[in-house]
Amino acid sequence: MRQRGKSVGLVTRTPKGDTFLRKIERHLQTWLACSFVIAFPASCLAATDGDAHKSPGGAAELSSLFTPGERINSSEVPEPPVPQKASRETGQVGIDIRLSTLGAGAEVAISLNHKLNVRGGINIFQYNRSFNHDGIAYKGQLNLRSGEAHLDWYPFGHGFHLSPGLLVYNGNGVTATANVPGGSTFTLGGTSYTSDPSNPIAGTGKLDFVKVVPTAMFGFGNLVPRTRHFTLNFEMGAVFQGSARTKLNLTGNACPNGINCVNAATDPTVQANVLAEQTKIDNKLSPFKYYPVISLGFGYRF
């Protein structure tokens, strides 16, 4: 009994006990190995993340582009500016052909912006006609020759326009040849003459206007439309060309009351009457100080 009591306080190693201890040791080794495998990548990731925040060229630098409290989004990172195309409102070119009271013409226009164009053109027309005035037979030729420039202003952006401008060349006028058959009577400045049969009256006449004059136009249509290529343009206005300038040159002999014939080119009385006749013609043409312009044109924008 006493031996059994003593043996209770001793730890006796048995084969079964050793096996149990080895199992516990293997479990501890396995647990430590797994902990190492898990902890090591996590620490690497933590170090990488810390380096990224510390790096001057990393995400911290990008975050400085945004205001405090603003969340960084990779889609919001500024991109290099894209070169802008030239505005289609400027530098567009259009041409047209037209008929007007200035003659048949052609124009070209360039857009400055969506409300302004600069436009220039030429006009030409010729008409021959014979007529008689105060006993003098004229063979006349109407010549319309002009060059023009306008600034087209579209107050509403399209359609209706106001166009101040210039006739930079005003070649409009009339030229004529004159003759009075011998023995026929004619009048100069209210005085009657007879053309000398031996040296009948002949001569030339010319009518013109100031060469550079202002114009004022308004109309509908745009020679440089913004959204289409073809255009129809209607315009009205006036050319402020001033008074007509008539010049008569006569040769031959003029006979007052059929007798005492004198040289029409040198006689002072005849020349005074020629000046009076020129003034009379100019006064009749006074309404053309403001020459009316009506035009219709068909154009194309490139």
C-alpha atoms as a PDB file:
ATOM      1  CA  MET A   1       0.000   0.000   0.000  1.00  0.00           C
ATOM      2  CA  ARG A   2       2.849   2.314   0.901  1.00  0.00           C
ATOM      3  CA  GLN A   3       4.587   1.621  -2.436  1.00  0.00           C
ATOM      4  CA  ARG A   4       1.498   2.515  -4.353  1.00  0.00           C
ATOM      5  CA  GLY A   5       1.190   5.773  -2.445  1.00  0.00           C
ATOM      6  CA  LYS A   6       4.732   6.753  -3.361  1.00  0.00           C
ATOM      7  CA  SER A   7       4.334   5.957  -6.992  1.00  0.00           C
ATOM      8  CA  VAL A   8       1.339   8.293  -7.335  1.00  0.00           C
ATOM      9  CA  GLY A   9       3.536  11.436  -7.005  1.00  0.00           C
ATOM     10  CA  LEU A  10       6.006  10.402  -9.737  1.00  0.00           C
ATOM     11  CA  VAL A  11       5.654  11.125 -13.463  1.00  0.00           C
ATOM     12  CA  THR A  12       6.343   7.991 -15.232  1.00  0.00           C
ATOM     13  CA  ARG A  13       7.156   8.174 -18.999  1.00  0.00           C
ATOM     14  CA  THR A  14       5.567   5.554 -21.039  1.00  0.00           C
ATOM     15  CA  PRO A  15       5.626   4.903 -24.806  1.00  0.00           C
ATOM     16  CA  LYS A  16       2.101   6.210 -25.068  1.00  0.00           C
ATOM     17  CA  GLY A  17       3.112   9.484 -23.366  1.00  0.00           C
ATOM     18  CA  ASP A  18       6.024  10.064 -25.703  1.00  0.00           C
ATOM     19  CA  THR A  19       3.799   9.625 -28.701  1.00  0.00           C
ATOM     20  CA  PHE A  20       1.363  12.186 -27.344  1.00  0.00           C
ATOM     21  CA  LEU A  21       4.144  14.770 -26.797  1.00  0.00           C
ATOM     22  CA  ARG A  22       5.485  14.306 -30.339  1.00  0.00           C
ATOM     23  CA  LYS A  23       2.018  14.934 -31.746  1.00  0.00           C
ATOM     24  CA  ILE A  24       1.745  18.198 -29.820  1.00  0.00           C
ATOM     25  CA  GLU A  25       5.206  19.266 -31.064  1.00  0.00           C
ATOM     26  CA  ARG A  26       4.285  18.576 -34.690  1.00  0.00           C
ATOM     27  CA  HIS A  27       1.052  20.594 -34.317  1.00  0.00           C
ATOM     28  CA  LEU A  28       3.016  23.556 -32.910  1.00  0.00           C
ATOM     29  CA  GLN A  29       5.517  23.425 -35.809  1.00  0.00           C
ATOM     30  CA  THR A  30       2.736  23.278 -38.341  1.00  0.00           C
ATOM     31  CA  TRP A  31       0.958  26.233 -36.732  1.00  0.00           C
ATOM     32  CA  LEU A  32       4.149  28.328 -36.655  1.00  0.00           C
ATOM     33  CA  ALA A  33       4.886  27.556 -40.308  1.00  0.00           C
ATOM     34  CA  CYS A  34       1.403  28.580 -41.405  1.00  0.00           C
ATOM     35  CA  SER A  35       1.619  31.767 -39.358  1.00  0.00           C
ATOM     36  CA  PHE A  36       4.898  32.648 -41.060  1.00  0.00           C
ATOM     37  CA  VAL A  37       3.485  32.030 -44.550  1.00  0.00           C
ATOM     38  CA  ILE A  38       0.478  34.258 -43.821  1.00  0.00           C
ATOM     39  CA  ALA A  39       2.312  37.029 -41.966  1.00  0.00           C
ATOM     40  CA  PHE A  40       5.228  37.453 -44.394  1.00  0.00           C
ATOM     41  CA  PRO A  41       3.188  38.425 -47.568  1.00  0.00           C
ATOM     42  CA  ALA A  42       1.024  40.738 -45.478  1.00  0.00           C
ATOM     43  CA  SER A  43       4.085  42.544 -44.197  1.00  0.00           C
ATOM     44  CA  CYS A  44       5.445  42.828 -47.745  1.00  0.00           C
ATOM     45  CA  LEU A  45       2.217  44.304 -48.954  1.00  0.00           C
ATOM     46  CA  ALA A  46       2.154  46.738 -46.040  1.00  0.00           C
ATOM     47  CA  ALA A  47       5.701  47.831 -46.832  1.00  0.00           C
ATOM     48  CA  THR A  48       4.873  48.300 -50.518  1.00  0.00           C
ATOM     49  CA  ASP A  49       1.832  50.375 -49.646  1.00  0.00           C
ATOM     50  CA  GLY A  50       3.872  52.487 -47.267  1.00  0.00           C
ATOM     51  CA  ASP A  51       6.540  53.078 -49.909  1.00  0.00           C
ATOM     52  CA  ALA A  52       3.889  54.144 -52.402  1.00  0.00           C
ATOM     53  CA  HIS A  53       2.605  56.804 -50.009  1.00  0.00           C
ATOM     54  CA  LYS A  54       6.143  57.976 -49.328  1.00  0.00           C
ATOM     55  CA  SER A  55       7.273  58.017 -52.970  1.00  0.00           C
ATOM     56  CA  PRO A  56       7.420  61.591 -54.425  1.00  0.00           C
ATOM     57  CA  GLY A  57       6.498  60.286 -57.860  1.00  0.00           C
ATOM     58  CA  GLY A  58       3.658  58.035 -56.790  1.00  0.00           C
ATOM     59  CA  ALA A  59       0.003  58.367 -55.954  1.00  0.00           C
ATOM     60  CA  ALA A  60       0.737  60.970 -53.257  1.00  0.00           C
ATOM     61  CA  GLU A  61       1.996  63.289 -56.002  1.00  0.00           C
ATOM     62  CA  LEU A  62      -1.148  62.726 -58.048  1.00  0.00           C
ATOM     63  CA  SER A  63      -3.268  63.433 -54.995  1.00  0.00           C
ATOM     64  CA  SER A  64      -1.735  66.923 -54.844  1.00  0.00           C
ATOM     65  CA  LEU A  65      -3.615  67.735 -58.080  1.00  0.00           C
ATOM     66  CA  PHE A  66      -6.901  67.517 -56.259  1.00  0.00           C
ATOM     67  CA  THR A  67      -8.425  69.597 -53.524  1.00  0.00           C
ATOM     68  CA  PRO A  68      -8.372  68.260 -49.981  1.00  0.00           C
ATOM     69  CA  GLY A  69     -11.114  65.755 -49.351  1.00  0.00           C
ATOM     70  CA  GLU A  70     -11.529  64.975 -53.037  1.00  0.00           C
ATOM     71  CA  ARG A  71     -11.293  61.326 -53.859  1.00  0.00           C
ATOM     72  CA  ILE A  72      -8.722  60.440 -56.495  1.00  0.00           C
ATOM     73  CA  ASN A  73     -10.165  58.651 -59.464  1.00  0.00           C
ATOM     74  CA  SER A  74      -7.888  57.379 -62.189  1.00  0.00           C
ATOM     75  CA  SER A  75     -10.472  58.398 -64.788  1.00  0.00           C
ATOM     76  CA  GLU A  76     -10.193  62.017 -63.563  1.00  0.00           C
ATOM     77  CA  VAL A  77      -6.445  62.345 -64.086  1.00  0.00           C
ATOM     78  CA  PRO A  78      -5.941  65.313 -66.496  1.00  0.00           C
ATOM     79  CA  GLU A  79      -5.132  64.354 -70.066  1.00  0.00           C
ATOM     80  CA  PRO A  80      -2.939  66.338 -72.472  1.00  0.00           C
ATOM     81  CA  PRO A  81      -4.957  69.052 -74.261  1.00  0.00           C
ATOM     82  CA  VAL A  82      -6.215  68.108 -77.709  1.00  0.00           C
ATOM     83  CA  PRO A  83      -5.509  70.739 -80.400  1.00  0.00           C
ATOM     84  CA  GLN A  84      -8.726  72.471 -81.387  1.00  0.00           C
ATOM     85  CA  LYS A  85      -9.740  72.689 -85.012  1.00  0.00           C
ATOM     86  CA  ALA A  86      -9.994  76.140 -86.572  1.00  0.00           C
ATOM     87  CA  SER A  87     -13.448  77.604 -86.261  1.00  0.00           C
ATOM     88  CA  ARG A  88     -15.649  77.004 -89.265  1.00  0.00           C
ATOM     89  CA  GLU A  89     -17.038  80.489 -88.771  1.00  0.00           C
ATOM     90  CA  THR A  90     -13.879  82.137 -90.127  1.00  0.00           C
ATOM     91  CA  GLY A  91     -12.204  82.005 -93.514  1.00  0.00           C
ATOM     92  CA  GLN A  92     -14.981  80.260 -95.442  1.00  0.00           C
ATOM     93  CA  VAL A  93     -15.208  81.307 -99.115  1.00  0.00           C
ATOM     94  CA  GLY A  94     -18.221  81.662-101.380  1.00  0.00           C
ATOM     95  CA  ILE A  95     -18.752  82.917-104.931  1.00  0.00           C
ATOM     96  CA  ASP A  96     -21.788  83.877-106.972  1.00  0.00           C
ATOM     97  CA  ILE A  97     -22.944  85.160-110.321  1.00  0.00           C
ATOM     98  CA  ARG A  98     -25.684  87.768-110.442  1.00  0.00           C
ATOM     99  CA  LEU A  99     -27.760  90.122-112.523  1.00  0.00           C
ATOM    100  CA  SER A 100     -28.375  93.638-111.306  1.00  0.00           C
ATOM    101  CA  THR A 101     -29.011  97.195-112.415  1.00  0.00           C
ATOM    102  CA  LEU A 102     -25.214  97.537-112.374  1.00  0.00           C
ATOM    103  CA  GLY A 103     -24.940  94.811-115.013  1.00  0.00           C
ATOM    104  CA  ALA A 104     -23.996  91.155-115.082  1.00  0.00           C
ATOM    105  CA  GLY A 105     -21.534  90.391-112.337  1.00  0.00           C
ATOM    106  CA  ALA A 106     -19.598  87.986-110.174  1.00  0.00           C
ATOM    107  CA  GLU A 107     -18.717  88.192-106.495  1.00  0.00           C
ATOM    108  CA  VAL A 108     -16.540  86.483-103.918  1.00  0.00           C
ATOM    109  CA  ALA A 109     -17.018  86.635-100.144  1.00  0.00           C
ATOM    110  CA  ILE A 110     -14.982  85.545 -97.120  1.00  0.00           C
ATOM    111  CA  SER A 111     -16.467  85.050 -93.657  1.00  0.00           C
ATOM    112  CA  LEU A 112     -14.889  86.944 -90.769  1.00  0.00           C
ATOM    113  CA  ASN A 113     -17.168  85.484 -88.089  1.00  0.00           C
ATOM    114  CA  HIS A 114     -20.770  84.275 -87.812  1.00  0.00           C
ATOM    115  CA  LYS A 115     -22.110  87.839 -88.300  1.00  0.00           C
ATOM    116  CA  LEU A 116     -19.620  89.444 -90.691  1.00  0.00           C
ATOM    117  CA  ASN A 117     -18.479  88.781 -94.265  1.00  0.00           C
ATOM    118  CA  VAL A 118     -16.286  90.850 -96.526  1.00  0.00           C
ATOM    119  CA  ARG A 119     -17.384  90.786-100.170  1.00  0.00           C
ATOM    120  CA  GLY A 120     -16.114  92.120-103.483  1.00  0.00           C
ATOM    121  CA  GLY A 121     -17.306  91.935-107.060  1.00  0.00           C
ATOM    122  CA  ILE A 122     -17.288  93.285-110.600  1.00  0.00           C
ATOM    123  CA  ASN A 123     -20.108  94.263-112.966  1.00  0.00           C
ATOM    124  CA  ILE A 124     -20.254  94.795-116.713  1.00  0.00           C
ATOM    125  CA  PHE A 125     -22.907  95.689-119.268  1.00  0.00           C
ATOM    126  CA  GLN A 126     -23.056  97.458-122.618  1.00  0.00           C
ATOM    127  CA  TYR A 127     -25.959  98.791-124.655  1.00  0.00           C
ATOM    128  CA  ASN A 128     -26.002 100.730-127.918  1.00  0.00           C
ATOM    129  CA  ARG A 129     -28.755 103.126-128.952  1.00  0.00           C
ATOM    130  CA  SER A 130     -29.284 105.985-131.397  1.00  0.00           C
ATOM    131  CA  PHE A 131     -31.328 108.995-130.321  1.00  0.00           C
ATOM    132  CA  ASN A 132     -31.990 112.633-131.200  1.00  0.00           C
ATOM    133  CA  HIS A 133     -31.782 115.523-128.774  1.00  0.00           C
ATOM    134  CA  ASP A 134     -32.436 119.196-129.704  1.00  0.00           C
ATOM    135  CA  GLY A 135     -31.887 118.463-133.379  1.00  0.00           C
ATOM    136  CA  ILE A 136     -28.541 116.701-132.834  1.00  0.00           C
ATOM    137  CA  ALA A 137     -28.387 113.014-133.798  1.00  0.00           C
ATOM    138  CA  TYR A 138     -26.477 110.899-131.348  1.00  0.00           C
ATOM    139  CA  LYS A 139     -25.245 107.334-131.590  1.00  0.00           C
ATOM    140  CA  GLY A 140     -24.810 106.444-127.975  1.00  0.00           C
ATOM    141  CA  GLN A 141     -23.289 103.583-126.041  1.00  0.00           C
ATOM    142  CA  LEU A 142     -24.218 102.872-122.428  1.00  0.00           C
ATOM    143  CA  ASN A 143     -21.302 101.377-120.537  1.00  0.00           C
ATOM    144  CA  LEU A 144     -21.710  99.890-117.077  1.00  0.00           C
ATOM    145  CA  ARG A 145     -18.323  99.023-115.600  1.00  0.00           C
ATOM    146  CA  SER A 146     -17.791  98.861-111.857  1.00  0.00           C
ATOM    147  CA  GLY A 147     -15.893  97.184-109.053  1.00  0.00           C
ATOM    148  CA  GLU A 148     -17.382  97.037-105.577  1.00  0.00           C
ATOM    149  CA  ALA A 149     -16.504  96.097-101.998  1.00  0.00           C
ATOM    150  CA  HIS A 150     -18.896  95.533 -99.094  1.00  0.00           C
ATOM    151  CA  LEU A 151     -18.941  94.593 -95.438  1.00  0.00           C
ATOM    152  CA  ASP A 152     -21.958  92.333 -94.879  1.00  0.00           C
ATOM    153  CA  TRP A 153     -23.369  92.489 -91.352  1.00  0.00           C
ATOM    154  CA  TYR A 154     -25.926  89.874 -90.268  1.00  0.00           C
ATOM    155  CA  PRO A 155     -27.514  91.326 -87.110  1.00  0.00           C
ATOM    156  CA  PHE A 156     -29.523  88.149 -86.488  1.00  0.00           C
ATOM    157  CA  GLY A 157     -26.725  85.770 -87.466  1.00  0.00           C
ATOM    158  CA  HIS A 158     -28.147  84.700 -90.826  1.00  0.00           C
ATOM    159  CA  GLY A 159     -30.474  85.735 -93.659  1.00  0.00           C
ATOM    160  CA  PHE A 160     -31.067  89.475 -93.459  1.00  0.00           C
ATOM    161  CA  HIS A 161     -27.998  91.663 -93.883  1.00  0.00           C
ATOM    162  CA  LEU A 162     -26.926  95.310 -94.022  1.00  0.00           C
ATOM    163  CA  SER A 163     -24.017  96.087 -96.327  1.00  0.00           C
ATOM    164  CA  PRO A 164     -22.225  99.430 -96.378  1.00  0.00           C
ATOM    165  CA  GLY A 165     -19.599  99.625 -99.071  1.00  0.00           C
ATOM    166  CA  LEU A 166     -17.900 101.365-101.965  1.00  0.00           C
ATOM    167  CA  LEU A 167     -17.798 101.331-105.704  1.00  0.00           C
ATOM    168  CA  VAL A 168     -14.028 101.286-105.808  1.00  0.00           C
ATOM    169  CA  TYR A 169     -14.291 101.891-109.540  1.00  0.00           C
ATOM    170  CA  ASN A 170     -17.312 103.610-111.075  1.00  0.00           C
ATOM    171  CA  GLY A 171     -16.981 103.383-114.833  1.00  0.00           C
ATOM    172  CA  ASN A 172     -20.695 103.807-115.501  1.00  0.00           C
ATOM    173  CA  GLY A 173     -21.520 106.326-118.191  1.00  0.00           C
ATOM    174  CA  VAL A 174     -22.371 107.072-121.808  1.00  0.00           C
ATOM    175  CA  THR A 175     -20.259 107.853-124.838  1.00  0.00           C
ATOM    176  CA  ALA A 176     -21.700 109.105-128.103  1.00  0.00           C
ATOM    177  CA  THR A 177     -20.939 110.531-131.503  1.00  0.00           C
ATOM    178  CA  ALA A 178     -22.938 113.541-132.695  1.00  0.00           C
ATOM    179  CA  ASN A 179     -23.747 115.034-136.067  1.00  0.00           C
ATOM    180  CA  VAL A 180     -26.142 117.458-137.682  1.00  0.00           C
ATOM    181  CA  PRO A 181     -26.657 117.041-141.413  1.00  0.00           C
ATOM    182  CA  GLY A 182     -25.851 120.168-143.437  1.00  0.00           C
ATOM    183  CA  GLY A 183     -28.812 122.533-143.718  1.00  0.00           C
ATOM    184  CA  SER A 184     -30.541 121.069-140.638  1.00  0.00           C
ATOM    185  CA  THR A 185     -31.298 123.195-137.594  1.00  0.00           C
ATOM    186  CA  PHE A 186     -30.364 122.380-134.012  1.00  0.00           C
ATOM    187  CA  THR A 187     -30.474 124.098-130.629  1.00  0.00           C
ATOM    188  CA  LEU A 188     -27.697 124.773-128.137  1.00  0.00           C
ATOM    189  CA  GLY A 189     -28.550 126.493-124.851  1.00  0.00           C
ATOM    190  CA  GLY A 190     -31.839 127.792-126.225  1.00  0.00           C
ATOM    191  CA  THR A 191     -30.209 129.306-129.311  1.00  0.00           C
ATOM    192  CA  SER A 192     -31.058 127.955-132.786  1.00  0.00           C
ATOM    193  CA  TYR A 193     -28.351 127.246-135.346  1.00  0.00           C
ATOM    194  CA  THR A 194     -28.139 125.842-138.849  1.00  0.00           C
ATOM    195  CA  SER A 195     -25.479 123.307-139.692  1.00  0.00           C
ATOM    196  CA  ASP A 196     -23.291 124.663-142.511  1.00  0.00           C
ATOM    197  CA  PRO A 197     -23.750 122.411-145.593  1.00  0.00           C
ATOM    198  CA  SER A 198     -20.109 122.949-146.522  1.00  0.00           C
ATOM    199  CA  ASN A 199     -18.807 122.053-143.071  1.00  0.00           C
ATOM    200  CA  PRO A 200     -21.586 120.353-141.094  1.00  0.00           C
ATOM    201  CA  ILE A 201     -21.610 120.050-137.337  1.00  0.00           C
ATOM    202  CA  ALA A 202     -20.115 116.863-135.853  1.00  0.00           C
ATOM    203  CA  GLY A 203     -18.643 115.934-132.555  1.00  0.00           C
ATOM    204  CA  THR A 204     -18.524 113.620-129.554  1.00  0.00           C
ATOM    205  CA  GLY A 205     -20.253 113.470-126.231  1.00  0.00           C
ATOM    206  CA  LYS A 206     -19.396 111.852-122.919  1.00  0.00           C
ATOM    207  CA  LEU A 207     -21.250 111.427-119.639  1.00  0.00           C
ATOM    208  CA  ASP A 208     -19.713 109.969-116.483  1.00  0.00           C
ATOM    209  CA  PHE A 209     -19.701 110.157-112.670  1.00  0.00           C
ATOM    210  CA  VAL A 210     -17.274 110.332-109.761  1.00  0.00           C
ATOM    211  CA  LYS A 211     -14.996 107.270-109.890  1.00  0.00           C
ATOM    212  CA  VAL A 212     -15.036 106.192-106.214  1.00  0.00           C
ATOM    213  CA  VAL A 213     -18.393 106.478-104.439  1.00  0.00           C
ATOM    214  CA  PRO A 214     -20.152 105.014-101.380  1.00  0.00           C
ATOM    215  CA  THR A 215     -22.961 102.462-101.490  1.00  0.00           C
ATOM    216  CA  ALA A 216     -25.578 101.245 -99.026  1.00  0.00           C
ATOM    217  CA  MET A 217     -27.284  97.894 -99.472  1.00  0.00           C
ATOM    218  CA  PHE A 218     -29.584  95.526 -97.626  1.00  0.00           C
ATOM    219  CA  GLY A 219     -30.958  92.148 -98.551  1.00  0.00           C
ATOM    220  CA  PHE A 220     -31.545  88.504 -97.820  1.00  0.00           C
ATOM    221  CA  GLY A 221     -29.189  85.583 -98.281  1.00  0.00           C
ATOM    222  CA  ASN A 222     -25.637  84.771 -97.334  1.00  0.00           C
ATOM    223  CA  LEU A 223     -22.897  84.147 -99.859  1.00  0.00           C
ATOM    224  CA  VAL A 224     -21.073  82.099 -97.199  1.00  0.00           C
ATOM    225  CA  PRO A 225     -23.853  80.027 -95.578  1.00  0.00           C
ATOM    226  CA  ARG A 226     -22.828  78.055 -92.483  1.00  0.00           C
ATOM    227  CA  THR A 227     -24.765  74.829 -93.100  1.00  0.00           C
ATOM    228  CA  ARG A 228     -25.161  74.423 -96.867  1.00  0.00           C
ATOM    229  CA  HIS A 229     -23.287  75.003-100.128  1.00  0.00           C
ATOM    230  CA  PHE A 230     -25.813  76.610-102.483  1.00  0.00           C
ATOM    231  CA  THR A 231     -27.451  79.960-101.817  1.00  0.00           C
ATOM    232  CA  LEU A 232     -29.841  82.457-103.389  1.00  0.00           C
ATOM    233  CA  ASN A 233     -29.170  86.131-102.665  1.00  0.00           C
ATOM    234  CA  PHE A 234     -31.426  89.148-103.139  1.00  0.00           C
ATOM    235  CA  GLU A 235     -30.237  92.683-102.520  1.00  0.00           C
ATOM    236  CA  MET A 236     -31.426  96.283-102.886  1.00  0.00           C
ATOM    237  CA  GLY A 237     -29.809  99.635-102.268  1.00  0.00           C
ATOM    238  CA  ALA A 238     -28.257 102.672-103.899  1.00  0.00           C
ATOM    239  CA  VAL A 239     -25.002 104.062-105.221  1.00  0.00           C
ATOM    240  CA  PHE A 240     -24.374 107.652-104.114  1.00  0.00           C
ATOM    241  CA  GLN A 241     -22.541 108.731-107.264  1.00  0.00           C
ATOM    242  CA  GLY A 242     -23.331 112.430-107.314  1.00  0.00           C
ATOM    243  CA  SER A 243     -24.271 114.554-110.301  1.00  0.00           C
ATOM    244  CA  ALA A 244     -23.610 113.505-113.882  1.00  0.00           C
ATOM    245  CA  ARG A 245     -20.715 115.141-115.704  1.00  0.00           C
ATOM    246  CA  THR A 246     -21.504 115.823-119.361  1.00  0.00           C
ATOM    247  CA  LYS A 247     -18.938 116.936-121.910  1.00  0.00           C
ATOM    248  CA  LEU A 248     -19.783 117.939-125.513  1.00  0.00           C
ATOM    249  CA  ASN A 249     -17.177 118.607-128.180  1.00  0.00           C
ATOM    250  CA  LEU A 250     -18.446 120.036-131.471  1.00  0.00           C
ATOM    251  CA  THR A 251     -16.646 120.749-134.720  1.00  0.00           C
ATOM    252  CA  GLY A 252     -17.862 122.301-137.982  1.00  0.00           C
ATOM    253  CA  ASN A 253     -19.645 125.555-138.657  1.00  0.00           C
ATOM    254  CA  ALA A 254     -22.780 126.719-136.901  1.00  0.00           C
ATOM    255  CA  CYS A 255     -24.811 129.434-138.613  1.00  0.00           C
ATOM    256  CA  PRO A 256     -27.066 131.584-136.391  1.00  0.00           C
ATOM    257  CA  ASN A 257     -30.314 132.188-138.313  1.00  0.00           C
ATOM    258  CA  GLY A 258     -28.703 130.491-141.293  1.00  0.00           C
ATOM    259  CA  ILE A 259     -26.161 133.235-141.913  1.00  0.00           C
ATOM    260  CA  ASN A 260     -22.808 134.409-140.582  1.00  0.00           C
ATOM    261  CA  CYS A 261     -21.494 130.877-139.946  1.00  0.00           C
ATOM    262  CA  VAL A 262     -18.855 130.514-137.236  1.00  0.00           C
ATOM    263  CA  ASN A 263     -16.521 127.768-136.060  1.00  0.00           C
ATOM    264  CA  ALA A 264     -18.396 125.912-133.332  1.00  0.00           C
ATOM    265  CA  ALA A 265     -15.160 124.754-131.660  1.00  0.00           C
ATOM    266  CA  THR A 266     -13.758 128.240-131.101  1.00  0.00           C
ATOM    267  CA  ASP A 267     -16.573 130.768-131.180  1.00  0.00           C
ATOM    268  CA  PRO A 268     -17.185 132.065-127.595  1.00  0.00           C
ATOM    269  CA  THR A 269     -20.923 132.391-128.065  1.00  0.00           C
ATOM    270  CA  VAL A 270     -21.301 128.865-129.389  1.00  0.00           C
ATOM    271  CA  GLN A 271     -19.074 127.511-126.568  1.00  0.00           C
ATOM    272  CA  ALA A 272     -21.179 129.324-123.961  1.00  0.00           C
ATOM    273  CA  ASN A 273     -24.260 127.706-125.436  1.00  0.00           C
ATOM    274  CA  VAL A 274     -22.502 124.319-125.394  1.00  0.00           C
ATOM    275  CA  LEU A 275     -21.876 124.747-121.653  1.00  0.00           C
ATOM    276  CA  ALA A 276     -25.544 125.642-121.165  1.00  0.00           C
ATOM    277  CA  GLU A 277     -26.533 122.489-123.059  1.00  0.00           C
ATOM    278  CA  GLN A 278     -24.251 120.379-120.852  1.00  0.00           C
ATOM    279  CA  THR A 279     -25.855 121.857-117.730  1.00  0.00           C
ATOM    280  CA  LYS A 280     -29.306 121.123-119.137  1.00  0.00           C
ATOM    281  CA  ILE A 281     -28.412 117.443-119.668  1.00  0.00           C
ATOM    282  CA  ASP A 282     -26.887 117.174-116.208  1.00  0.00           C
ATOM    283  CA  ASN A 283     -30.033 118.584-114.623  1.00  0.00           C
ATOM    284  CA  LYS A 284     -32.213 116.083-116.444  1.00  0.00           C
ATOM    285  CA  LEU A 285     -30.057 113.281-115.028  1.00  0.00           C
ATOM    286  CA  SER A 286     -30.116 114.607-111.447  1.00  0.00           C
ATOM    287  CA  PRO A 287     -32.270 111.702-110.154  1.00  0.00           C
ATOM    288  CA  PHE A 288     -29.353 109.378-110.943  1.00  0.00           C
ATOM    289  CA  LYS A 289     -27.281 111.014-108.213  1.00  0.00           C
ATOM    290  CA  TYR A 290     -28.664 108.104-106.202  1.00  0.00           C
ATOM    291  CA  TYR A 291     -28.434 105.219-108.604  1.00  0.00           C
ATOM    292  CA  PRO A 292     -30.823 102.409-107.593  1.00  0.00           C
ATOM    293  CA  VAL A 293     -29.444  98.884-107.306  1.00  0.00           C
ATOM    294  CA  ILE A 294     -31.510  95.686-107.389  1.00  0.00           C
ATOM    295  CA  SER A 295     -29.718  92.371-107.719  1.00  0.00           C
ATOM    296  CA  LEU A 296     -30.382  88.656-107.715  1.00  0.00           C
ATOM    297  CA  GLY A 297     -27.572  86.159-107.482  1.00  0.00           C
ATOM    298  CA  PHE A 298     -26.936  82.434-107.254  1.00  0.00           C
ATOM    299  CA  GLY A 299     -23.935  81.332-105.201  1.00  0.00           C
ATOM    300  CA  TYR A 300     -21.866  78.420-103.945  1.00  0.00           C
ATOM    301  CA  ARG A 301     -19.829  78.067-100.753  1.00  0.00           C
ATOM    302  CA  PHE A 302     -16.694  75.949-100.948  1.00  0.00           C
END
